[in-house]
Protein backbone atom coordinates (compact mmCIF):
# COMPACT_ATOMS: atom_id res chain seq x y z
CA MET A 1 -20.59 -9.08 -2.75
CA PRO A 2 -18.88 -8.64 -6.12
CA HIS A 3 -17.43 -11.51 -8.11
CA SER A 4 -14.42 -11.41 -10.38
CA PRO A 5 -15.03 -11.36 -14.16
CA LEU A 6 -13.54 -14.89 -14.04
CA TYR A 7 -16.19 -16.23 -11.66
CA GLU A 8 -17.96 -18.23 -14.38
CA CYS A 9 -14.68 -19.95 -15.27
CA TYR A 10 -14.27 -21.61 -11.87
CA GLN A 11 -17.51 -21.31 -9.88
CA ARG A 12 -18.10 -25.08 -9.88
CA GLU A 13 -14.55 -25.96 -8.84
CA ALA A 14 -13.60 -23.30 -6.31
CA LYS A 15 -14.36 -23.05 -2.61
CA LEU A 16 -15.20 -19.37 -2.38
CA THR A 17 -14.32 -17.02 0.45
CA GLU A 18 -14.73 -13.32 1.24
CA PHE A 19 -11.65 -11.16 0.87
CA ALA A 20 -11.52 -7.36 0.83
CA GLY A 21 -15.22 -7.26 0.00
CA TRP A 22 -14.91 -9.72 -2.91
CA ASN A 23 -16.14 -13.30 -3.31
CA LEU A 24 -12.97 -15.10 -4.41
CA PRO A 25 -11.52 -18.61 -4.62
CA GLY A 26 -10.08 -19.68 -1.28
CA GLN A 27 -9.09 -23.14 -2.50
CA PHE A 28 -9.52 -25.42 -5.49
CA ALA A 29 -8.00 -28.91 -5.09
CA GLY A 30 -6.54 -28.05 -1.68
CA LEU A 31 -3.48 -26.49 -0.07
CA THR A 32 -1.04 -29.33 -0.73
CA PRO A 33 -1.62 -29.88 -4.47
CA GLU A 34 -1.85 -26.14 -5.09
CA HIS A 35 1.38 -25.52 -3.16
CA GLN A 36 3.11 -28.31 -5.08
CA ALA A 37 1.95 -26.84 -8.38
CA VAL A 38 3.43 -23.40 -7.71
CA ARG A 39 6.69 -24.69 -6.27
CA HIS A 40 7.27 -27.37 -8.93
CA SER A 41 5.20 -26.57 -12.04
CA ALA A 42 2.76 -23.67 -12.40
CA GLY A 43 -0.20 -22.30 -10.48
CA LEU A 44 -2.84 -19.88 -11.76
CA PHE A 45 -4.46 -17.26 -9.52
CA ASP A 46 -7.35 -14.87 -10.06
CA ILE A 47 -6.16 -11.56 -8.57
CA SER A 48 -8.69 -9.34 -10.34
CA HIS A 49 -9.70 -7.90 -6.96
CA MET A 50 -6.44 -5.97 -6.73
CA GLY A 51 -6.60 -2.26 -7.46
CA GLN A 52 -5.51 -1.29 -10.96
CA ILE A 53 -4.86 2.43 -11.30
CA GLU A 54 -3.80 4.26 -14.45
CA LEU A 55 -1.75 7.45 -14.01
CA MET A 56 -1.63 9.98 -16.83
CA GLY A 57 0.73 12.86 -17.52
CA ASN A 58 3.90 13.62 -19.44
CA ARG A 59 5.84 14.06 -16.18
CA ILE A 60 3.94 11.55 -14.06
CA LEU A 61 7.05 9.87 -12.61
CA TRP A 62 8.43 13.23 -11.48
CA ASP A 63 5.04 14.25 -10.08
CA PHE A 64 4.65 10.90 -8.30
CA ASN A 65 8.23 10.80 -6.98
CA PRO A 66 7.58 12.90 -3.80
CA LEU A 67 4.79 10.51 -2.75
CA VAL A 68 7.17 7.58 -2.23
CA PRO A 69 10.54 7.17 -0.48
CA THR A 70 12.05 5.29 -3.43
CA ALA A 71 13.64 7.07 -6.38
CA ILE A 72 11.54 6.29 -9.46
CA THR A 73 12.41 8.99 -12.01
CA HIS A 74 15.15 6.77 -13.48
CA LEU A 75 12.64 4.13 -14.57
CA GLN A 76 12.53 3.49 -18.30
CA PRO A 77 9.41 2.35 -20.19
CA GLY A 78 8.97 -1.34 -19.49
CA GLN A 79 10.51 -1.12 -16.01
CA ALA A 80 8.77 -1.26 -12.62
CA GLN A 81 9.50 -0.55 -8.97
CA TYR A 82 8.09 -1.94 -5.73
CA THR A 83 7.61 0.84 -3.16
CA VAL A 84 5.28 2.23 -0.50
CA LEU A 85 2.99 5.23 -0.13
CA LEU A 86 3.67 7.02 3.16
CA ASN A 87 1.69 9.38 5.35
CA PRO A 88 3.37 12.41 6.97
CA HIS A 89 4.24 10.29 10.04
CA GLY A 90 6.10 7.78 7.88
CA GLY A 91 3.36 5.16 8.22
CA ILE A 92 2.64 2.90 5.27
CA ILE A 93 -0.58 3.78 3.44
CA ASP A 94 -0.05 0.86 1.07
CA ASP A 95 2.65 -1.11 -0.66
CA ILE A 96 2.44 -0.86 -4.43
CA ILE A 97 4.20 -1.54 -7.70
CA ILE A 98 4.52 1.31 -10.19
CA TYR A 99 5.01 0.33 -13.83
CA HIS A 100 6.40 2.92 -16.27
CA GLN A 101 4.24 2.58 -19.38
CA GLY A 102 6.07 5.18 -21.43
CA GLN A 103 4.66 8.58 -22.27
CA PRO A 104 2.24 9.64 -21.14
CA GLY A 105 1.56 7.38 -18.20
CA ALA A 106 2.18 4.70 -15.60
CA LYS A 107 0.25 1.89 -13.97
CA LEU A 108 -0.14 1.11 -10.27
CA ILE A 109 -1.13 -2.26 -8.85
CA VAL A 110 -2.30 -1.80 -5.26
CA ASN A 111 -3.92 -3.86 -2.52
CA ALA A 112 -7.64 -4.43 -2.92
CA ALA A 113 -8.60 -3.15 0.52
CA CYS A 114 -6.61 0.04 -0.06
CA SER A 115 -7.92 1.04 -3.49
CA ALA A 116 -10.37 3.68 -2.26
CA LYS A 117 -7.99 5.38 0.16
CA ASN A 118 -5.19 5.27 -2.42
CA LEU A 119 -7.40 7.00 -4.97
CA ALA A 120 -8.34 9.65 -2.41
CA TRP A 121 -4.66 10.18 -1.52
CA LEU A 122 -3.69 10.47 -5.17
CA ALA A 123 -6.58 12.82 -5.91
CA LYS A 124 -5.35 15.07 -3.11
CA HIS A 125 -1.74 15.17 -4.26
CA LEU A 126 -2.07 14.56 -8.02
CA PRO A 127 -5.55 15.78 -8.95
CA GLY A 128 -6.86 14.77 -12.34
CA THR A 129 -4.12 12.24 -13.08
CA CYS A 130 -5.52 8.87 -12.02
CA GLN A 131 -8.40 6.51 -12.68
CA LEU A 132 -9.34 3.04 -11.47
CA VAL A 133 -9.68 0.43 -14.22
CA ASN A 134 -11.53 -2.86 -13.99
CA GLN A 135 -9.80 -5.55 -15.99
CA VAL A 136 -8.99 -9.18 -15.41
CA LEU A 137 -5.75 -9.67 -13.50
CA LEU A 138 -4.15 -13.11 -13.35
CA ALA A 139 -1.00 -14.43 -11.71
CA LEU A 140 0.74 -17.38 -13.37
CA GLN A 141 3.48 -18.51 -11.00
CA GLY A 142 6.02 -21.31 -10.87
CA PRO A 143 9.04 -22.76 -12.66
CA GLN A 144 6.94 -23.77 -15.68
CA ALA A 145 4.97 -20.51 -15.87
CA THR A 146 7.06 -18.96 -18.64
CA GLY A 147 6.94 -22.10 -20.76
CA ILE A 148 3.17 -22.35 -20.46
CA LEU A 149 2.60 -18.70 -21.31
CA GLN A 150 5.07 -18.95 -24.21
CA THR A 151 2.77 -21.45 -25.94
CA LEU A 152 0.31 -18.60 -26.54
CA THR A 153 2.64 -16.03 -28.10
CA ALA A 154 5.49 -15.52 -30.55
CA ASP A 155 6.93 -12.77 -28.33
CA VAL A 156 10.09 -13.95 -26.56
CA LEU A 157 9.13 -13.96 -22.89
CA GLN A 158 12.59 -14.89 -21.63
CA ALA A 159 13.80 -11.53 -22.92
CA ILE A 160 11.62 -9.76 -20.34
CA PRO A 161 13.61 -9.32 -17.11
CA ARG A 162 12.36 -9.50 -13.53
CA PHE A 163 10.05 -6.51 -12.96
CA GLY A 164 9.92 -5.96 -16.71
CA HIS A 165 6.58 -5.61 -18.46
CA GLN A 166 5.09 -5.09 -21.91
CA ILE A 167 2.06 -5.68 -24.08
CA ILE A 168 2.28 -8.94 -26.02
CA THR A 169 0.17 -10.45 -28.77
CA THR A 170 -1.35 -13.87 -28.15
CA LYS A 171 -3.67 -16.06 -30.17
CA LEU A 172 -6.46 -14.82 -27.87
CA GLY A 173 -5.68 -11.11 -28.28
CA GLN A 174 -3.35 -8.55 -26.77
CA ILE A 175 -2.52 -8.78 -23.07
CA TRP A 176 -0.22 -6.90 -20.69
CA VAL A 177 2.31 -9.06 -18.87
CA ALA A 178 4.68 -8.24 -16.02
CA ARG A 179 7.37 -10.51 -14.62
CA THR A 180 6.27 -9.99 -11.06
CA GLY A 181 4.51 -12.04 -8.42
CA TYR A 182 3.76 -12.74 -4.76
CA THR A 183 4.90 -16.33 -4.33
CA GLY A 184 8.70 -16.37 -4.36
CA GLU A 185 8.70 -18.09 -7.74
CA ASP A 186 9.36 -16.86 -11.26
CA GLY A 187 6.14 -15.96 -12.99
CA TRP A 188 3.82 -13.43 -14.52
CA GLU A 189 1.01 -11.08 -13.62
CA ILE A 190 -1.29 -10.57 -16.57
CA GLN A 191 -3.88 -7.89 -17.31
CA ALA A 192 -6.52 -8.37 -20.00
CA GLU A 193 -9.98 -7.29 -21.08
CA PRO A 194 -12.64 -9.49 -19.41
CA GLY A 195 -13.47 -11.52 -22.52
CA VAL A 196 -9.82 -12.16 -23.31
CA GLY A 197 -9.11 -12.89 -19.65
CA GLN A 198 -11.80 -15.57 -19.47
CA ALA A 199 -10.43 -17.27 -22.58
CA LEU A 200 -6.92 -16.93 -21.18
CA TRP A 201 -7.87 -18.60 -17.88
CA ARG A 202 -9.29 -21.61 -19.72
CA GLU A 203 -6.37 -21.84 -22.15
CA LEU A 204 -3.73 -21.65 -19.42
CA CYS A 205 -5.51 -24.39 -17.48
CA ASP A 206 -5.63 -26.50 -20.65
CA GLN A 207 -1.87 -25.98 -21.02
CA GLY A 208 -1.23 -27.36 -17.53
CA ALA A 209 -1.55 -24.46 -15.10
CA VAL A 210 -3.23 -25.53 -11.84
CA PRO A 211 -5.94 -23.21 -10.45
CA CYS A 212 -4.96 -21.93 -7.00
CA GLY A 213 -6.75 -19.97 -4.30
CA LEU A 214 -6.02 -17.26 -1.77
CA ALA A 215 -5.20 -19.69 1.05
CA VAL A 216 -2.14 -21.13 -0.64
CA ARG A 217 -1.14 -17.70 -1.95
CA ASP A 218 -0.88 -16.51 1.65
CA MET A 219 1.31 -19.48 2.57
CA LEU A 220 3.53 -19.00 -0.48
CA ARG A 221 4.09 -15.30 0.17
CA LEU A 222 4.90 -15.95 3.82
CA GLU A 223 7.42 -18.65 2.91
CA ALA A 224 9.03 -16.07 0.61
CA GLY A 225 9.06 -13.49 3.42
CA LEU A 226 6.70 -11.10 1.65
CA HIS A 227 4.54 -8.68 3.64
CA LEU A 228 0.75 -8.65 3.76
CA TYR A 229 -0.71 -5.18 4.13
CA GLY A 230 -3.05 -4.89 7.10
CA GLN A 231 -1.17 -7.58 9.04
CA ASP A 232 2.58 -7.04 8.67
CA MET A 233 2.33 -3.31 8.01
CA ASP A 234 -0.19 -0.50 8.20
CA GLU A 235 -0.36 3.26 8.69
CA THR A 236 1.19 3.00 12.16
CA ILE A 237 4.24 1.09 10.89
CA THR A 238 7.14 2.69 9.01
CA PRO A 239 9.19 0.96 6.32
CA LEU A 240 12.19 1.04 8.68
CA ALA A 241 10.34 -1.00 11.32
CA ALA A 242 8.87 -3.31 8.67
CA GLY A 243 12.28 -4.27 7.34
CA LEU A 244 11.71 -2.27 4.17
CA GLY A 245 14.40 0.29 4.80
CA TRP A 246 15.94 -0.67 1.46
CA LEU A 247 13.05 1.16 -0.20
CA VAL A 248 14.14 4.48 1.31
CA ASP A 249 16.48 6.44 -0.94
CA TRP A 250 18.05 8.98 1.40
CA ASP A 251 19.83 10.67 -1.52
CA LYS A 252 16.64 11.65 -3.34
CA GLY A 253 14.84 14.91 -2.70
CA ASP A 254 12.08 15.47 -0.21
CA PHE A 255 9.20 13.00 0.06
CA ILE A 256 6.17 12.65 2.28
CA GLY A 257 7.21 11.15 5.62
CA ARG A 258 10.93 11.87 5.24
CA GLY A 259 11.14 13.92 8.43
CA ALA A 260 9.52 11.20 10.52
CA LEU A 261 11.78 8.52 9.04
CA THR A 262 14.86 10.65 9.65
CA THR A 263 13.89 11.03 13.31
CA GLN A 264 13.25 7.32 13.66
CA LYS A 265 16.55 6.48 11.99
CA THR A 266 18.38 8.76 14.43
CA GLN A 267 16.56 7.61 17.57
CA GLY A 268 16.49 3.92 16.69
CA LEU A 269 13.63 1.44 16.45
CA ALA A 270 11.60 0.23 19.40
CA GLN A 271 10.55 -2.92 17.53
CA LYS A 272 11.51 -4.72 14.34
CA LEU A 273 9.76 -7.23 12.10
CA VAL A 274 11.48 -10.61 12.34
CA GLY A 275 11.00 -14.14 11.11
CA LEU A 276 10.10 -16.87 13.59
CA ILE A 277 10.40 -20.61 13.08
CA GLY A 278 9.09 -23.24 15.45
CA THR A 279 8.90 -27.01 15.83
CA GLY A 280 5.96 -29.35 15.66
CA ARG A 281 2.88 -28.43 13.67
CA ARG A 282 0.98 -25.89 15.76
CA ILE A 283 0.46 -22.61 13.92
CA PHE A 284 0.94 -19.24 15.57
CA ARG A 285 -1.70 -16.77 14.45
CA PRO A 286 -1.75 -12.98 14.08
CA GLY A 287 -2.02 -11.31 17.47
CA TYR A 288 -0.45 -14.13 19.49
CA PRO A 289 2.00 -12.75 22.10
CA VAL A 290 5.73 -13.30 21.69
CA LEU A 291 7.56 -13.78 25.00
CA ALA A 292 11.13 -13.66 26.25
CA GLN A 293 11.92 -14.90 29.75
CA GLY A 294 8.22 -14.87 30.55
CA GLN A 295 7.66 -11.25 29.48
CA THR A 296 5.73 -10.11 26.41
CA VAL A 297 8.16 -8.58 23.92
CA GLY A 298 6.09 -8.59 20.74
CA ARG A 299 3.22 -9.99 18.72
CA VAL A 300 2.79 -12.27 15.74
CA THR A 301 1.52 -10.64 12.54
CA SER A 302 1.47 -13.63 10.16
CA GLY A 303 1.79 -17.38 10.66
CA THR A 304 1.34 -20.67 8.84
CA LEU A 305 2.52 -24.26 8.74
CA SER A 306 5.03 -24.18 5.89
CA LEU A 307 4.57 -27.04 3.46
CA SER A 308 8.06 -26.37 2.08
CA LEU A 309 9.71 -26.74 5.51
CA GLY A 310 7.22 -28.89 7.40
CA ARG A 311 7.44 -26.46 10.33
CA PRO A 312 5.45 -23.50 11.65
CA ILE A 313 6.75 -20.12 10.49
CA GLY A 314 5.67 -16.56 11.05
CA LEU A 315 6.46 -12.88 11.14
CA ALA A 316 6.34 -10.82 14.33
CA TYR A 317 7.21 -7.40 15.68
CA VAL A 318 9.49 -7.83 18.68
CA ASP A 319 11.44 -5.45 20.89
CA THR A 320 14.72 -4.58 19.19
CA HIS A 321 16.78 -6.17 21.98
CA TRP A 322 15.25 -9.54 21.10
CA ALA A 323 15.28 -9.10 17.32
CA LYS A 324 18.68 -10.74 16.87
CA LEU A 325 19.10 -13.76 14.60
CA GLY A 326 19.20 -16.92 16.67
CA ALA A 327 17.38 -15.46 19.68
CA SER A 328 15.24 -18.03 21.52
CA LEU A 329 11.70 -16.84 22.24
CA THR A 330 8.27 -18.37 22.75
CA VAL A 331 4.86 -17.76 21.24
CA GLN A 332 1.88 -18.10 23.53
CA VAL A 333 -0.74 -20.31 21.89
CA ARG A 334 -3.68 -20.51 24.27
CA GLU A 335 -2.23 -22.00 27.49
CA GLN A 336 1.02 -23.16 25.94
CA GLU A 337 4.28 -21.43 25.13
CA LEU A 338 5.77 -22.75 21.89
CA PRO A 339 9.54 -22.34 21.48
CA VAL A 340 10.61 -20.38 18.40
CA THR A 341 13.86 -19.03 16.99
CA VAL A 342 14.40 -15.64 15.34
CA VAL A 343 15.49 -16.19 11.73
CA LYS A 344 15.68 -14.24 8.51
CA ARG A 345 12.26 -13.36 7.14
CA THR A 346 12.86 -15.23 3.87
CA PHE A 347 12.07 -18.83 4.76
CA TYR A 348 12.15 -20.17 1.19
CA THR A 349 14.28 -19.24 -1.82
CA ARG A 350 13.57 -20.84 -5.16
CA PRO A 351 16.32 -23.06 -6.57
CA GLY A 352 18.75 -21.35 -8.91
């Protein structure tokens, strides 16, 4: 099982776990201190397992545009867009971020488990334009993330907007930074050569960033209402059902899956992805049935005990009739039915 290039930096401190075929940190100090760090100071994640794909071509945004439902040809160098790759049935192949690097290329950050199928899909539709790169990828997240990273560079980080990105010069070498993340906090995702990345990990920790693992990252993203591919969406789920209809630009030209989405929009959705919040401390797990008046009306896709709220939260696909805010449902946990309420999918919003 492969390790990250950063493995030597944390092998004695991390509790390792398997994820998407990689041996990665599941936890360091534990869920509570790691959660506190990201929500109140800064947490540091190794996300080098994520797929990093370089796209080449003078018209790459125009060539890539029909592969996604979101208009991207307006992007300027230094801008990025979250979107999804769709199959002809409108199902989600993967959710991705595309970063316009300027001529002649762009960068994709994709889910680790989807890298191979994404490359095959791109090779089919854009032959000869893409390659997978293997660099260190870090996520520095939290209200103090910018201040910590600023200690390493003379470049003015506050001038980079949300979803902005650029190459900056640090005392350790050049790195690529993007003001993106998966925690609901302000922060940065950073790409670097392995040697620079190892030095960067150590330096950021010395400056006060707290190492964090995948377990707390999953809790943080769920609190922020962010989807996890393979649980909250897959190739059988459309962006309309997943609550990602805002990614579909109906005014753009044709794109893969448009016909299927148009039909679904006209006919209506059988189920929708909703937020659920419960009481007590029992967690509802993926696959648990959601019931209304004793009848199964859906299933849980993600669940955790939110440390921000002190209550169990989750995402679930439920029949559209029951997908109304405030609806009272239950989740079957073994022999018990736990009462839950349908709420907005964003459980936590950072202050300010």
